[in-house]
Amino acid sequence: MGRHAEIARALAIRARAAKLKSDGAALGDEGLKAEGRRREAVGRMAQAEAKAPRRTAGH
């Protein structure tokens, strides 16, 4: 997967997580909010990994 596609995927994960978190807050569902926070953290890690410089095998 290309770098831009990885970043877009990470942003999509974060957007879905924010929606979950928002829905949980609106409904008063702590479990939904917690799941949104967990997925948001996963999205942040994926985004950071996608933006990190690539390492090559050669010198």
N, C-alpha and C. Protein backbone atom coordinates (compact mmCIF):
# COMPACT_ATOMS: atom_id res chain seq x y z
N MET A 1 0.85 -1.17 0.00
CA MET A 1 0.00 0.00 0.00
C MET A 1 0.90 1.23 0.00
N GLY A 2 0.55 2.22 -0.79
CA GLY A 2 1.35 3.44 -0.87
C GLY A 2 1.21 4.30 0.38
N ARG A 3 2.14 5.19 0.52
CA ARG A 3 2.19 6.05 1.70
C ARG A 3 0.92 6.89 1.85
N HIS A 4 0.46 7.49 0.75
CA HIS A 4 -0.73 8.33 0.81
C HIS A 4 -1.97 7.50 1.15
N ALA A 5 -2.03 6.30 0.63
CA ALA A 5 -3.16 5.41 0.92
C ALA A 5 -3.16 5.02 2.40
N GLU A 6 -1.97 4.80 2.96
CA GLU A 6 -1.88 4.45 4.38
C GLU A 6 -2.35 5.61 5.26
N ILE A 7 -1.95 6.82 4.88
CA ILE A 7 -2.37 8.00 5.64
C ILE A 7 -3.88 8.18 5.54
N ALA A 8 -4.43 8.00 4.35
CA ALA A 8 -5.87 8.13 4.16
C ALA A 8 -6.62 7.07 4.97
N ARG A 9 -6.09 5.86 5.00
CA ARG A 9 -6.70 4.78 5.78
C ARG A 9 -6.70 5.13 7.26
N ALA A 10 -5.58 5.67 7.75
CA ALA A 10 -5.48 6.05 9.16
C ALA A 10 -6.47 7.17 9.49
N LEU A 11 -6.61 8.13 8.59
CA LEU A 11 -7.56 9.21 8.82
C LEU A 11 -8.99 8.69 8.83
N ALA A 12 -9.29 7.71 7.99
CA ALA A 12 -10.62 7.12 7.96
C ALA A 12 -10.90 6.38 9.27
N ILE A 13 -9.91 5.69 9.79
CA ILE A 13 -10.06 5.00 11.08
C ILE A 13 -10.37 6.02 12.17
N ARG A 14 -9.62 7.12 12.17
CA ARG A 14 -9.83 8.14 13.19
C ARG A 14 -11.20 8.79 13.06
N ALA A 15 -11.67 8.99 11.83
CA ALA A 15 -12.98 9.61 11.62
C ALA A 15 -14.09 8.70 12.13
N ARG A 16 -14.00 7.41 11.83
CA ARG A 16 -15.01 6.46 12.33
C ARG A 16 -14.97 6.38 13.86
N ALA A 17 -13.76 6.46 14.43
CA ALA A 17 -13.62 6.42 15.88
C ALA A 17 -14.25 7.65 16.52
N ALA A 18 -14.05 8.81 15.92
CA ALA A 18 -14.64 10.04 16.45
C ALA A 18 -16.17 9.95 16.40
N LYS A 19 -16.70 9.35 15.35
CA LYS A 19 -18.15 9.18 15.23
C LYS A 19 -18.66 8.27 16.34
N LEU A 20 -17.96 7.17 16.60
CA LEU A 20 -18.34 6.27 17.68
C LEU A 20 -18.33 6.99 19.03
N LYS A 21 -17.27 7.75 19.25
CA LYS A 21 -17.12 8.47 20.50
C LYS A 21 -18.24 9.50 20.67
N SER A 22 -18.56 10.19 19.60
CA SER A 22 -19.62 11.19 19.61
C SER A 22 -20.98 10.54 19.87
N ASP A 23 -21.23 9.43 19.19
CA ASP A 23 -22.49 8.72 19.38
C ASP A 23 -22.61 8.22 20.83
N GLY A 24 -21.51 7.73 21.37
CA GLY A 24 -21.51 7.27 22.76
C GLY A 24 -21.83 8.39 23.72
N ALA A 25 -21.28 9.58 23.46
CA ALA A 25 -21.54 10.73 24.32
C ALA A 25 -23.01 11.16 24.21
N ALA A 26 -23.53 11.15 22.99
CA ALA A 26 -24.92 11.56 22.78
C ALA A 26 -25.90 10.59 23.44
N LEU A 27 -25.56 9.32 23.41
CA LEU A 27 -26.45 8.30 23.97
C LEU A 27 -26.18 8.00 25.43
N GLY A 28 -25.08 8.56 25.95
CA GLY A 28 -24.71 8.28 27.33
C GLY A 28 -24.18 6.87 27.51
N ASP A 29 -23.60 6.31 26.47
CA ASP A 29 -23.10 4.94 26.48
C ASP A 29 -21.58 4.97 26.68
N GLU A 30 -21.16 4.66 27.90
CA GLU A 30 -19.72 4.70 28.21
C GLU A 30 -18.93 3.66 27.41
N GLY A 31 -19.52 2.52 27.14
CA GLY A 31 -18.84 1.47 26.38
C GLY A 31 -18.54 1.92 24.96
N LEU A 32 -19.49 2.61 24.35
CA LEU A 32 -19.31 3.12 22.99
C LEU A 32 -18.24 4.21 22.97
N LYS A 33 -18.25 5.08 23.98
CA LYS A 33 -17.23 6.12 24.07
C LYS A 33 -15.84 5.51 24.24
N ALA A 34 -15.75 4.48 25.08
CA ALA A 34 -14.46 3.82 25.32
C ALA A 34 -13.95 3.16 24.04
N GLU A 35 -14.86 2.51 23.30
CA GLU A 35 -14.47 1.87 22.03
C GLU A 35 -13.98 2.93 21.04
N GLY A 36 -14.65 4.07 21.00
CA GLY A 36 -14.22 5.18 20.13
C GLY A 36 -12.84 5.68 20.50
N ARG A 37 -12.58 5.82 21.79
CA ARG A 37 -11.25 6.27 22.24
C ARG A 37 -10.18 5.26 21.87
N ARG A 38 -10.51 3.96 22.04
CA ARG A 38 -9.53 2.91 21.70
C ARG A 38 -9.21 2.93 20.22
N ARG A 39 -10.26 3.02 19.39
CA ARG A 39 -10.04 3.04 17.94
C ARG A 39 -9.32 4.31 17.50
N GLU A 40 -9.57 5.41 18.19
CA GLU A 40 -8.89 6.66 17.85
C GLU A 40 -7.39 6.53 18.11
N ALA A 41 -7.04 5.87 19.20
CA ALA A 41 -5.63 5.64 19.51
C ALA A 41 -4.98 4.76 18.44
N VAL A 42 -5.70 3.75 17.99
CA VAL A 42 -5.19 2.88 16.92
C VAL A 42 -4.98 3.70 15.64
N GLY A 43 -5.92 4.58 15.34
CA GLY A 43 -5.81 5.44 14.16
C GLY A 43 -4.63 6.40 14.26
N ARG A 44 -4.40 6.95 15.46
CA ARG A 44 -3.25 7.85 15.65
C ARG A 44 -1.94 7.10 15.44
N MET A 45 -1.87 5.86 15.96
CA MET A 45 -0.65 5.07 15.78
C MET A 45 -0.43 4.74 14.30
N ALA A 46 -1.50 4.38 13.61
CA ALA A 46 -1.40 4.06 12.19
C ALA A 46 -0.97 5.29 11.38
N GLN A 47 -1.49 6.45 11.76
CA GLN A 47 -1.14 7.67 11.05
C GLN A 47 0.33 8.02 11.29
N ALA A 48 0.79 7.89 12.52
CA ALA A 48 2.19 8.18 12.84
C ALA A 48 3.11 7.22 12.10
N GLU A 49 2.72 5.97 12.04
CA GLU A 49 3.53 4.97 11.33
C GLU A 49 3.58 5.27 9.83
N ALA A 50 2.46 5.71 9.27
CA ALA A 50 2.42 6.02 7.84
C ALA A 50 3.26 7.25 7.51
N LYS A 51 3.33 8.19 8.44
CA LYS A 51 4.10 9.41 8.19
C LYS A 51 5.58 9.26 8.50
N ALA A 52 5.94 8.20 9.21
CA ALA A 52 7.34 7.99 9.60
C ALA A 52 8.20 7.76 8.36
N PRO A 53 9.45 8.19 8.44
CA PRO A 53 10.34 7.96 7.29
C PRO A 53 10.53 6.47 7.03
N ARG A 54 10.61 6.12 5.77
CA ARG A 54 10.78 4.72 5.37
C ARG A 54 12.26 4.36 5.48
N ARG A 55 12.50 3.14 5.91
CA ARG A 55 13.87 2.65 5.97
C ARG A 55 14.09 1.71 4.80
N THR A 56 15.26 1.81 4.22
CA THR A 56 15.56 0.92 3.09
C THR A 56 16.55 -0.14 3.54
N ALA A 57 16.58 -1.23 2.81
CA ALA A 57 17.45 -2.36 3.17
C ALA A 57 18.91 -2.06 2.87
N GLY A 58 19.16 -1.26 1.84
CA GLY A 58 20.54 -0.96 1.46
C GLY A 58 21.17 0.15 2.28
N HIS A 59 22.46 0.34 2.07
CA HIS A 59 23.16 1.41 2.80
C HIS A 59 23.41 2.56 1.89
